[in-house]
PDB file of N, CA and C in Angstrom:
ATOM      1  N   MET A   1     -17.455 -44.692  10.479  1.00  0.00           N
ATOM      2  CA  MET A   1     -16.669 -43.994   9.490  1.00  0.00           C
ATOM      3  C   MET A   1     -17.483 -42.868   8.847  1.00  0.00           C
ATOM      4  N   LYS A   2     -18.781 -43.117   8.654  1.00  0.00           N
ATOM      5  CA  LYS A   2     -19.611 -42.105   8.017  1.00  0.00           C
ATOM      6  C   LYS A   2     -19.806 -40.884   8.912  1.00  0.00           C
ATOM      7  N   GLU A   3     -19.730 -41.068  10.212  1.00  0.00           N
ATOM      8  CA  GLU A   3     -19.905 -39.947  11.137  1.00  0.00           C
ATOM      9  C   GLU A   3     -18.714 -38.989  11.084  1.00  0.00           C
ATOM     10  N   ASN A   4     -17.534 -39.483  10.853  1.00  0.00           N
ATOM     11  CA  ASN A   4     -16.325 -38.655  10.817  1.00  0.00           C
ATOM     12  C   ASN A   4     -16.166 -37.918   9.487  1.00  0.00           C
ATOM     13  N   LYS A   5     -16.736 -38.432   8.422  1.00  0.00           N
ATOM     14  CA  LYS A   5     -16.552 -37.832   7.105  1.00  0.00           C
ATOM     15  C   LYS A   5     -17.090 -36.397   7.019  1.00  0.00           C
ATOM     16  N   PRO A   6     -18.311 -36.110   7.498  1.00  0.00           N
ATOM     17  CA  PRO A   6     -18.773 -34.713   7.451  1.00  0.00           C
ATOM     18  C   PRO A   6     -17.902 -33.766   8.287  1.00  0.00           C
ATOM     19  N   ASN A   7     -17.383 -34.253   9.400  1.00  0.00           N
ATOM     20  CA  ASN A   7     -16.516 -33.405  10.217  1.00  0.00           C
ATOM     21  C   ASN A   7     -15.217 -33.085   9.484  1.00  0.00           C
ATOM     22  N   ILE A   8     -14.663 -34.065   8.791  1.00  0.00           N
ATOM     23  CA  ILE A   8     -13.423 -33.839   8.051  1.00  0.00           C
ATOM     24  C   ILE A   8     -13.666 -32.838   6.922  1.00  0.00           C
ATOM     25  N   LEU A   9     -14.796 -32.942   6.245  1.00  0.00           N
ATOM     26  CA  LEU A   9     -15.113 -31.978   5.187  1.00  0.00           C
ATOM     27  C   LEU A   9     -15.287 -30.574   5.752  1.00  0.00           C
ATOM     28  N   LEU A  10     -15.945 -30.476   6.880  1.00  0.00           N
ATOM     29  CA  LEU A  10     -16.144 -29.174   7.514  1.00  0.00           C
ATOM     30  C   LEU A  10     -14.808 -28.561   7.919  1.00  0.00           C
ATOM     31  N   TYR A  11     -13.939 -29.358   8.530  1.00  0.00           N
ATOM     32  CA  TYR A  11     -12.616 -28.860   8.908  1.00  0.00           C
ATOM     33  C   TYR A  11     -11.810 -28.458   7.675  1.00  0.00           C
ATOM     34  N   GLY A  12     -11.912 -29.232   6.630  1.00  0.00           N
ATOM     35  CA  GLY A  12     -11.206 -28.907   5.393  1.00  0.00           C
ATOM     36  C   GLY A  12     -11.677 -27.600   4.793  1.00  0.00           C
ATOM     37  N   LEU A  13     -13.000 -27.369   4.812  1.00  0.00           N
ATOM     38  CA  LEU A  13     -13.542 -26.108   4.298  1.00  0.00           C
ATOM     39  C   LEU A  13     -13.097 -24.914   5.143  1.00  0.00           C
ATOM     40  N   ILE A  14     -13.103 -25.090   6.452  1.00  0.00           N
ATOM     41  CA  ILE A  14     -12.693 -23.990   7.340  1.00  0.00           C
ATOM     42  C   ILE A  14     -11.212 -23.674   7.146  1.00  0.00           C
ATOM     43  N   ILE A  15     -10.376 -24.692   7.141  1.00  0.00           N
ATOM     44  CA  ILE A  15      -8.931 -24.482   6.972  1.00  0.00           C
ATOM     45  C   ILE A  15      -8.637 -23.917   5.576  1.00  0.00           C
ATOM     46  N   GLY A  16      -9.308 -24.431   4.561  1.00  0.00           N
ATOM     47  CA  GLY A  16      -9.121 -23.906   3.204  1.00  0.00           C
ATOM     48  C   GLY A  16      -9.532 -22.453   3.090  1.00  0.00           C
ATOM     49  N   GLY A  17     -10.622 -22.088   3.766  1.00  0.00           N
ATOM     50  CA  GLY A  17     -11.067 -20.692   3.763  1.00  0.00           C
ATOM     51  C   GLY A  17     -10.062 -19.777   4.433  1.00  0.00           C
ATOM     52  N   LEU A  18      -9.511 -20.233   5.560  1.00  0.00           N
ATOM     53  CA  LEU A  18      -8.505 -19.420   6.264  1.00  0.00           C
ATOM     54  C   LEU A  18      -7.235 -19.253   5.433  1.00  0.00           C
ATOM     55  N   VAL A  19      -6.800 -20.328   4.811  1.00  0.00           N
ATOM     56  CA  VAL A  19      -5.598 -20.253   3.962  1.00  0.00           C
ATOM     57  C   VAL A  19      -5.863 -19.343   2.763  1.00  0.00           C
ATOM     58  N   GLY A  20      -7.025 -19.480   2.156  1.00  0.00           N
ATOM     59  CA  GLY A  20      -7.376 -18.630   1.012  1.00  0.00           C
ATOM     60  C   GLY A  20      -7.444 -17.164   1.398  1.00  0.00           C
ATOM     61  N   ALA A  21      -8.053 -16.874   2.569  1.00  0.00           N
ATOM     62  CA  ALA A  21      -8.123 -15.485   3.028  1.00  0.00           C
ATOM     63  C   ALA A  21      -6.732 -14.937   3.320  1.00  0.00           C
ATOM     64  N   GLY A  22      -5.883 -15.767   3.903  1.00  0.00           N
ATOM     65  CA  GLY A  22      -4.514 -15.330   4.186  1.00  0.00           C
ATOM     66  C   GLY A  22      -3.744 -15.018   2.922  1.00  0.00           C
ATOM     67  N   LEU A  23      -3.898 -15.864   1.916  1.00  0.00           N
ATOM     68  CA  LEU A  23      -3.222 -15.610   0.637  1.00  0.00           C
ATOM     69  C   LEU A  23      -3.762 -14.356  -0.033  1.00  0.00           C
ATOM     70  N   ALA A  24      -5.069 -14.142   0.063  1.00  0.00           N
ATOM     71  CA  ALA A  24      -5.663 -12.944  -0.539  1.00  0.00           C
ATOM     72  C   ALA A  24      -5.124 -11.683   0.130  1.00  0.00           C
ATOM     73  N   VAL A  25      -5.024 -11.684   1.442  1.00  0.00           N
ATOM     74  CA  VAL A  25      -4.482 -10.530   2.171  1.00  0.00           C
ATOM     75  C   VAL A  25      -3.013 -10.316   1.813  1.00  0.00           C
ATOM     76  N   PHE A  26      -2.250 -11.378   1.752  1.00  0.00           N
ATOM     77  CA  PHE A  26      -0.825 -11.276   1.431  1.00  0.00           C
ATOM     78  C   PHE A  26      -0.603 -10.674   0.051  1.00  0.00           C
ATOM     79  N   PHE A  27      -1.290 -11.230  -0.956  1.00  0.00           N
ATOM     80  CA  PHE A  27      -1.062 -10.757  -2.318  1.00  0.00           C
ATOM     81  C   PHE A  27      -1.653  -9.367  -2.555  1.00  0.00           C
ATOM     82  N   SER A  28      -2.761  -9.043  -1.894  1.00  0.00           N
ATOM     83  CA  SER A  28      -3.321  -7.704  -2.073  1.00  0.00           C
ATOM     84  C   SER A  28      -2.428  -6.649  -1.428  1.00  0.00           C
ATOM     85  N   SER A  29      -1.866  -6.949  -0.259  1.00  0.00           N
ATOM     86  CA  SER A  29      -0.962  -5.979   0.369  1.00  0.00           C
ATOM     87  C   SER A  29       0.304  -5.801  -0.469  1.00  0.00           C
ATOM     88  N   ARG A  30       0.771  -6.873  -1.055  1.00  0.00           N
ATOM     89  CA  ARG A  30       1.947  -6.797  -1.932  1.00  0.00           C
ATOM     90  C   ARG A  30       1.644  -5.948  -3.164  1.00  0.00           C
ATOM     91  N   PHE A  31       0.465  -6.139  -3.747  1.00  0.00           N
ATOM     92  CA  PHE A  31       0.035  -5.363  -4.906  1.00  0.00           C
ATOM     93  C   PHE A  31      -0.082  -3.879  -4.564  1.00  0.00           C
ATOM     94  N   ILE A  32      -0.668  -3.575  -3.419  1.00  0.00           N
ATOM     95  CA  ILE A  32      -0.826  -2.180  -2.990  1.00  0.00           C
ATOM     96  C   ILE A  32       0.538  -1.545  -2.761  1.00  0.00           C
ATOM     97  N   ARG A  33       1.449  -2.271  -2.135  1.00  0.00           N
ATOM     98  CA  ARG A  33       2.796  -1.739  -1.891  1.00  0.00           C
ATOM     99  C   ARG A  33       3.515  -1.407  -3.191  1.00  0.00           C
ATOM    100  N   LYS A  34       3.413  -2.304  -4.179  1.00  0.00           N
ATOM    101  CA  LYS A  34       4.069  -2.066  -5.469  1.00  0.00           C
ATOM    102  C   LYS A  34       3.475  -0.856  -6.167  1.00  0.00           C
ATOM    103  N   ASN A  35       2.147  -0.710  -6.123  1.00  0.00           N
ATOM    104  CA  ASN A  35       1.514   0.429  -6.777  1.00  0.00           C
ATOM    105  C   ASN A  35       1.899   1.745  -6.108  1.00  0.00           C
ATOM    106  N   ARG A  36       1.983   1.761  -4.790  1.00  0.00           N
ATOM    107  CA  ARG A  36       2.396   2.978  -4.097  1.00  0.00           C
ATOM    108  C   ARG A  36       3.827   3.352  -4.458  1.00  0.00           C
ATOM    109  N   LYS A  37       4.688   2.342  -4.558  1.00  0.00           N
ATOM    110  CA  LYS A  37       6.085   2.599  -4.916  1.00  0.00           C
ATOM    111  C   LYS A  37       6.183   3.159  -6.331  1.00  0.00           C
ATOM    112  N   LYS A  38       5.433   2.579  -7.276  1.00  0.00           N
ATOM    113  CA  LYS A  38       5.437   3.069  -8.651  1.00  0.00           C
ATOM    114  C   LYS A  38       4.917   4.496  -8.718  1.00  0.00           C
ATOM    115  N   LYS A  39       3.857   4.780  -7.947  1.00  0.00           N
ATOM    116  CA  LYS A  39       3.287   6.126  -7.954  1.00  0.00           C
ATOM    117  C   LYS A  39       4.291   7.137  -7.404  1.00  0.00           C
ATOM    118  N   LYS A  40       5.015   6.741  -6.346  1.00  0.00           N
ATOM    119  CA  LYS A  40       6.008   7.638  -5.756  1.00  0.00           C
ATOM    120  C   LYS A  40       7.130   7.921  -6.752  1.00  0.00           C
ATOM    121  N   VAL A  41       7.568   6.889  -7.483  1.00  0.00           N
ATOM    122  CA  VAL A  41       8.634   7.060  -8.479  1.00  0.00           C
ATOM    123  C   VAL A  41       8.167   7.970  -9.608  1.00  0.00           C
ATOM    124  N   ARG A  42       6.926   7.764 -10.090  1.00  0.00           N
ATOM    125  CA  ARG A  42       6.399   8.624 -11.158  1.00  0.00           C
ATOM    126  C   ARG A  42       6.308  10.073 -10.697  1.00  0.00           C
ATOM    127  N   LYS A  43       5.846  10.278  -9.464  1.00  0.00           N
ATOM    128  CA  LYS A  43       5.727  11.634  -8.928  1.00  0.00           C
ATOM    129  C   LYS A  43       7.105  12.284  -8.817  1.00  0.00           C
ATOM    130  N   HIS A  44       8.091  11.509  -8.351  1.00  0.00           N
ATOM    131  CA  HIS A  44       9.451  12.025  -8.224  1.00  0.00           C
ATOM    132  C   HIS A  44      10.010  12.420  -9.587  1.00  0.00           C
ATOM    133  N   LYS A  45       9.809  11.560 -10.591  1.00  0.00           N
ATOM    134  CA  LYS A  45      10.290  11.865 -11.941  1.00  0.00           C
ATOM    135  C   LYS A  45       9.603  13.102 -12.502  1.00  0.00           C
ATOM    136  N   PHE A  46       8.311  13.265 -12.201  1.00  0.00           N
ATOM    137  CA  PHE A  46       7.570  14.429 -12.683  1.00  0.00           C
ATOM    138  C   PHE A  46       8.167  15.709 -12.126  1.00  0.00           C
ATOM    139  N   TYR A  47       8.366  15.755 -10.792  1.00  0.00           N
ATOM    140  CA  TYR A  47       8.918  16.967 -10.186  1.00  0.00           C
ATOM    141  C   TYR A  47      10.377  17.181 -10.585  1.00  0.00           C
ATOM    142  N   GLU A  48      11.108  16.104 -10.781  1.00  0.00           N
ATOM    143  CA  GLU A  48      12.493  16.221 -11.237  1.00  0.00           C
ATOM    144  C   GLU A  48      12.538  16.838 -12.634  1.00  0.00           C
ATOM    145  N   GLY A  49      11.595  16.443 -13.484  1.00  0.00           N
ATOM    146  CA  GLY A  49      11.519  17.010 -14.825  1.00  0.00           C
ATOM    147  C   GLY A  49      11.188  18.487 -14.797  1.00  0.00           C
ATOM    148  N   ILE A  50      10.287  18.878 -13.886  1.00  0.00           N
ATOM    149  CA  ILE A  50       9.948  20.299 -13.755  1.00  0.00           C
ATOM    150  C   ILE A  50      11.164  21.084 -13.283  1.00  0.00           C
ATOM    151  N   ASP A  51      11.904  20.523 -12.331  1.00  0.00           N
ATOM    152  CA  ASP A  51      13.114  21.197 -11.849  1.00  0.00           C
ATOM    153  C   ASP A  51      14.126  21.373 -12.974  1.00  0.00           C
ATOM    154  N   ASP A  52      14.266  20.356 -13.813  1.00  0.00           N
ATOM    155  CA  ASP A  52      15.212  20.453 -14.928  1.00  0.00           C
ATOM    156  C   ASP A  52      14.813  21.540 -15.908  1.00  0.00           C
ATOM    157  N   ILE A  53      13.515  21.728 -16.107  1.00  0.00           N
ATOM    158  CA  ILE A  53      13.040  22.736 -17.051  1.00  0.00           C
ATOM    159  C   ILE A  53      13.331  24.136 -16.535  1.00  0.00           C
ATOM    160  N   PHE A  54      13.001  24.390 -15.263  1.00  0.00           N
ATOM    161  CA  PHE A  54      13.021  25.761 -14.762  1.00  0.00           C
ATOM    162  C   PHE A  54      14.293  26.155 -14.028  1.00  0.00           C
ATOM    163  N   GLU A  55      15.172  25.225 -13.718  1.00  0.00           N
ATOM    164  CA  GLU A  55      16.403  25.585 -13.030  1.00  0.00           C
ATOM    165  C   GLU A  55      17.590  25.736 -13.968  1.00  0.00           C
ATOM    166  N   SER A  56      17.339  25.686 -15.251  1.00  0.00           N
ATOM    167  CA  SER A  56      18.448  25.868 -16.182  1.00  0.00           C
ATOM    168  C   SER A  56      18.872  27.336 -16.176  1.00  0.00           C
ATOM    169  N   LYS A  57      20.160  27.543 -16.236  1.00  0.00           N
ATOM    170  CA  LYS A  57      20.706  28.897 -16.219  1.00  0.00           C
ATOM    171  C   LYS A  57      20.709  29.440 -17.639  1.00  0.00           C
ATOM    172  N   PRO A  58      20.551  30.742 -17.811  1.00  0.00           N
ATOM    173  CA  PRO A  58      20.561  31.303 -19.161  1.00  0.00           C
ATOM    174  C   PRO A  58      21.880  31.057 -19.899  1.00  0.00           C
ATOM    175  N   GLY A  59      22.973  30.895 -19.203  1.00  0.00           N
ATOM    176  CA  GLY A  59      24.274  30.657 -19.818  1.00  0.00           C
ATOM    177  C   GLY A  59      24.448  29.224 -20.301  1.00  0.00           C
ATOM    178  N   ASP A  60      23.558  28.329 -19.892  1.00  0.00           N
ATOM    179  CA  ASP A  60      23.670  26.922 -20.280  1.00  0.00           C
ATOM    180  C   ASP A  60      23.354  26.706 -21.753  1.00  0.00           C
ATOM    181  N   THR A  61      22.471  27.519 -22.303  1.00  0.00           N
ATOM    182  CA  THR A  61      22.083  27.350 -23.702  1.00  0.00           C
ATOM    183  C   THR A  61      22.967  28.218 -24.586  1.00  0.00           C
ATOM    184  N   GLU A  62      23.133  27.771 -25.811  1.00  0.00           N
ATOM    185  CA  GLU A  62      23.953  28.537 -26.749  1.00  0.00           C
ATOM    186  C   GLU A  62      23.217  29.774 -27.240  1.00  0.00           C
ATOM    187  N   ASP A  63      21.924  29.658 -27.386  1.00  0.00           N
ATOM    188  CA  ASP A  63      21.111  30.758 -27.893  1.00  0.00           C
ATOM    189  C   ASP A  63      20.331  31.361 -26.730  1.00  0.00           C
ATOM    190  N   GLY A  64      20.406  32.650 -26.557  1.00  0.00           N
ATOM    191  CA  GLY A  64      19.717  33.325 -25.469  1.00  0.00           C
ATOM    192  C   GLY A  64      18.216  33.393 -25.673  1.00  0.00           C
ATOM    193  N   ASP A  65      17.715  33.173 -26.884  1.00  0.00           N
ATOM    194  CA  ASP A  65      16.286  33.254 -27.155  1.00  0.00           C
ATOM    195  C   ASP A  65      15.526  32.033 -26.648  1.00  0.00           C
ATOM    196  N   LYS A  66      16.226  30.989 -26.283  1.00  0.00           N
ATOM    197  CA  LYS A  66      15.563  29.770 -25.828  1.00  0.00           C
ATOM    198  C   LYS A  66      15.174  29.821 -24.359  1.00  0.00           C
ATOM    199  N   SER A  67      15.565  30.864 -23.635  1.00  0.00           N
ATOM    200  CA  SER A  67      15.216  30.949 -22.223  1.00  0.00           C
ATOM    201  C   SER A  67      13.723  31.258 -22.080  1.00  0.00           C
ATOM    202  N   ILE A  68      13.146  30.819 -21.003  1.00  0.00           N
ATOM    203  CA  ILE A  68      11.707  30.958 -20.766  1.00  0.00           C
ATOM    204  C   ILE A  68      11.484  32.186 -19.892  1.00  0.00           C
ATOM    205  N   ASP A  69      10.585  33.073 -20.328  1.00  0.00           N
ATOM    206  CA  ASP A  69      10.276  34.233 -19.512  1.00  0.00           C
ATOM    207  C   ASP A  69       9.319  33.822 -18.391  1.00  0.00           C
ATOM    208  N   LYS A  70       9.110  34.713 -17.438  1.00  0.00           N
ATOM    209  CA  LYS A  70       8.331  34.410 -16.235  1.00  0.00           C
ATOM    210  C   LYS A  70       6.876  34.083 -16.581  1.00  0.00           C
ATOM    211  N   GLU A  71       6.281  34.792 -17.515  1.00  0.00           N
ATOM    212  CA  GLU A  71       4.880  34.569 -17.883  1.00  0.00           C
ATOM    213  C   GLU A  71       4.676  33.182 -18.497  1.00  0.00           C
ATOM    214  N   THR A  72       5.592  32.777 -19.375  1.00  0.00           N
ATOM    215  CA  THR A  72       5.506  31.452 -19.989  1.00  0.00           C
ATOM    216  C   THR A  72       5.705  30.368 -18.937  1.00  0.00           C
ATOM    217  N   GLU A  73       6.631  30.599 -18.018  1.00  0.00           N
ATOM    218  CA  GLU A  73       6.887  29.633 -16.949  1.00  0.00           C
ATOM    219  C   GLU A  73       5.639  29.427 -16.093  1.00  0.00           C
ATOM    220  N   GLU A  74       4.979  30.511 -15.720  1.00  0.00           N
ATOM    221  CA  GLU A  74       3.753  30.402 -14.912  1.00  0.00           C
ATOM    222  C   GLU A  74       2.642  29.706 -15.695  1.00  0.00           C
ATOM    223  N   GLY A  75       2.556  29.950 -16.994  1.00  0.00           N
ATOM    224  CA  GLY A  75       1.556  29.281 -17.821  1.00  0.00           C
ATOM    225  C   GLY A  75       1.784  27.784 -17.900  1.00  0.00           C
ATOM    226  N   ILE A  76       3.047  27.389 -18.038  1.00  0.00           N
ATOM    227  CA  ILE A  76       3.376  25.956 -18.096  1.00  0.00           C
ATOM    228  C   ILE A  76       3.059  25.287 -16.760  1.00  0.00           C
ATOM    229  N   ILE A  77       3.440  25.917 -15.667  1.00  0.00           N
ATOM    230  CA  ILE A  77       3.165  25.347 -14.338  1.00  0.00           C
ATOM    231  C   ILE A  77       1.670  25.215 -14.115  1.00  0.00           C
ATOM    232  N   GLU A  78       0.914  26.246 -14.485  1.00  0.00           N
ATOM    233  CA  GLU A  78      -0.549  26.196 -14.324  1.00  0.00           C
ATOM    234  C   GLU A  78      -1.146  25.064 -15.170  1.00  0.00           C
ATOM    235  N   GLU A  79      -0.678  24.890 -16.364  1.00  0.00           N
ATOM    236  CA  GLU A  79      -1.192  23.820 -17.243  1.00  0.00           C
ATOM    237  C   GLU A  79      -0.857  22.436 -16.689  1.00  0.00           C
ATOM    238  N   LEU A  80       0.369  22.267 -16.163  1.00  0.00           N
ATOM    239  CA  LEU A  80       0.772  20.973 -15.614  1.00  0.00           C
ATOM    240  C   LEU A  80      -0.051  20.584 -14.401  1.00  0.00           C
ATOM    241  N   PHE A  81      -0.299  21.537 -13.516  1.00  0.00           N
ATOM    242  CA  PHE A  81      -0.991  21.211 -12.282  1.00  0.00           C
ATOM    243  C   PHE A  81      -2.516  21.273 -12.411  1.00  0.00           C
ATOM    244  N   SER A  82      -3.039  21.770 -13.503  1.00  0.00           N
ATOM    245  CA  SER A  82      -4.480  21.788 -13.672  1.00  0.00           C
ATOM    246  C   SER A  82      -4.999  20.481 -14.280  1.00  0.00           C
ATOM    247  N   ARG A  83      -4.114  19.653 -14.802  1.00  0.00           N
ATOM    248  CA  ARG A  83      -4.521  18.382 -15.402  1.00  0.00           C
ATOM    249  C   ARG A  83      -4.922  17.398 -14.321  1.00  0.00           C
ATOM    250  N   THR A  84      -5.895  16.548 -14.665  1.00  0.00           N
ATOM    251  CA  THR A  84      -6.299  15.486 -13.758  1.00  0.00           C
ATOM    252  C   THR A  84      -5.662  14.181 -14.208  1.00  0.00           C
ATOM    253  N   ASN A  85      -5.512  13.261 -13.284  1.00  0.00           N
ATOM    254  CA  ASN A  85      -4.875  11.982 -13.618  1.00  0.00           C
ATOM    255  C   ASN A  85      -5.805  11.106 -14.348  1.00  0.00           C
TER     256      ASN A  85
END
């Protein structure tokens, strides 16, 4: 009986290690997938917001002074894209 006990412990350690590694790979890939999806959604919302700012027609606003001239638009775009994450 004593001869079989070390073998059972060794097999248990090997199988436990494989199961643990499999779970680590599964959960890490799931975590990476979720983060990529969140990043894609944030990026989409960012560009959608920029489109909303600059694609507005001058007739959409009640006051004509609220429209953005070309120089201000280029300054805003430069400021947005020069920032680091």
